[in-house]
Amino acid sequence: MKNLLRLSVFVRKYWRHLFLAFVCLIATTVFGLAVPWFIREAIDTVMIRGEYSFLIVAAGAVVIASALRGLFAFGNQYLAEVTSQRTVYDIRNTLYDRLQRLSFAYHDQTQTGQLMSRATIDVEAVRMFLGRGLLSIAETAVMFIGITVILVLMNWPLALFCTVFMVLIGFRAVIVARILRPIWLKVQELLGVLSTILEENLTGVRIVKAFSSQGVESHKFSTQSRLLYDEQINAARKVAFNMPLMAFLVSLPTALILWYGGRQVVAGGLTIGELSQFILYLGMLTMPVRRLGMVTALASRAISAGQRILEILDTKSAIEEKPGAVELDRVEGRVSFDNVSFGYDSSHPVLKNVSFTAQPGQLVALVGSLGSGKSTIAHLVPRFYDVTEGAISIDSSDVRDLTLVSLRKNVGIVQQDIFLFSATIRDNIAYGAIHADMKHIEDAAAAAHLHNFIQSLPGGYDTWVGERGITLSGGEKQRLAIARTLLKDPRVLILDDSMSSVDAKTERLIRSALANLVKGRTTFIITHRLSIIQNADLILMMDDGRIVEQGKHEELMAKRSLYSQIYQSQLTADLYSGEEFAEE
């Protein structure tokens, strides 16, 4: 239960609601316990003293007590549900905020479907327990204590025997909970895997159809669904066996009361009214005790879900701000790598002893084969990852000493894999500057040569972009991403192969628009476009995680080394494809 106890910190702020719910629960129990007493008085009064008029008084008292019991039961259930909903609202938001703040390294290793399952299904399992299970446990405890006291006062030997039976039933519920917990944990994990398969297939539905793999994917989903089905049936089988067993165990003390209590009535030790009261009290206790079967299932599932939620909340991000981190004000844009080494895991270094300095306003081109470390350099500047060795500084400030918000406010990046939200074009452009006015949004779009295209759409800037920008072409998404970054107006700009999805004409237009905008802005560009490489102030030739050559185009060509070889081969390929001719 330590997982649920840890999550109870979210409940404490709503202690007033819990207190009022408990008061309503006490009142519900008191009025509920009054009903058998009125019935006993009615039976004994009529049968022993023959006062039939008392039946009207007793009946009215039962109706009033039942009505008040119902009223307080409403208050109890309503307040408990409000508490559970507000608590889970806080848990869900805290979980989501934690997922937003975890580093790229965590998301690289965790399946999206698992995270979605924990943020939805697991949180809902905790809510079900807080709203129903916890209420049932409290009701059972209060009812058990109240009825036990009354029964002991009436006939302690019989009450003691019945109480022992109820304790054994409660012990049985605890054993069942321990059996169900690992099963429900497995169910939660299988649900996460199923969510991952579903998320991947819906996202990649075009690939699935293009390769006619519907059958393969359906079989994969069906196989996982079967595993989930088997595990849920296993849990259902144990729950289905447990509840009737507990109902049978509850019936045993009832049978004892009928046998032993009947003999007491004949002997004059009990009145018929007292025996009826005893049986009614035991019946009242039977229902919450029988519900322990349901409660054990809810508790087992909530404990397993709580464990999965806490795994995320307890995860330490690889990227954390130092205590007293410094706010980075408007910067000049000098970026320095000082003997930087980095690896996504300790056994495979990606960068090795990288050192260079990009001066403010310079255009730096990163060139090299796939896997040479170009994109990794781009990811280290805004501190998506932390260096393994060495240091990265902006204007002489180590990026690890800066607040993440201020650092990333000054560093803009257009990534190779463009992501757009299901929102309007205007909202997507203004994503990094949500308070920007329409003029600035249009200026950014015009700079990316997207304004005329947007104006041609029926909805203009209010046109809705489909999921992940599916309604836009690759070049349009690239230009929208560039506009989004330009509107942010960072001092350091990173373009990660951002021209890869545009044709030669569009690229020329974008380059001409960017010519003035990159002035005074340190710009890193990862590209294979020869025309951009030639105009760079600094070219970094990457190979196997190292900078093997650096300098301007003319300097590197004069050396006739690796850079010149790659340049010549790329030039030959472009001439053969007609690209350079098309650009001219």
Foldseek 3Di string as FASTA:
>chain_A
DVLVVVLCVLLVVVVVLVVLLLVLLLLLLVLVLVLLVLQLCQVCCCPPVVPNVCVVVSVVSNVVSVVSSVVSVVSNLVSQLVSLVSSLVVLLVLLVVLVVPFFPLVVVPDFPLLSVLLSPVLSVLLSCCSNPLVSLVSSLVSLLVVLLVVVCVLPNVLSVVLNVLLVVLVVVLVVLLVVCQVLLLVLSVLSSVLSRLVVVCVVVVVVCVVVVVPVVSVVVNVVSVVVSVVSVVVSVVSLVVSLVVSLVSLVVSLVVLCVVVVVCCVVVNDPPSSSSSNNVSSVVSSVSSSCSSVSSNSVSNNSSSSVSSVVSVVDDHQQDADVVFAFDDAALWKKWFAQFWADSDPVAIQAGGATDIFGFLFEEEEDEDPSLCQVVVVCPQLCSDDTPDTFMDTPPHTNNRHDSVNSVLQEFEQAPQFFAAQFFLLCRLCVLPVPDDPVLLLLLLVLLVNQVVLVPDPVRRRDTQPHRNPVDALSNSLSSSSSSRVSSVHQEYEYEQSCVRPALVSVVSNCVSCVVVSGSHHYYYYHPDPVSLQPGQKYFYTGSNYRPDMGHPVVVCVVVDPVVVSNVVSVVVCVVVCRVVVND
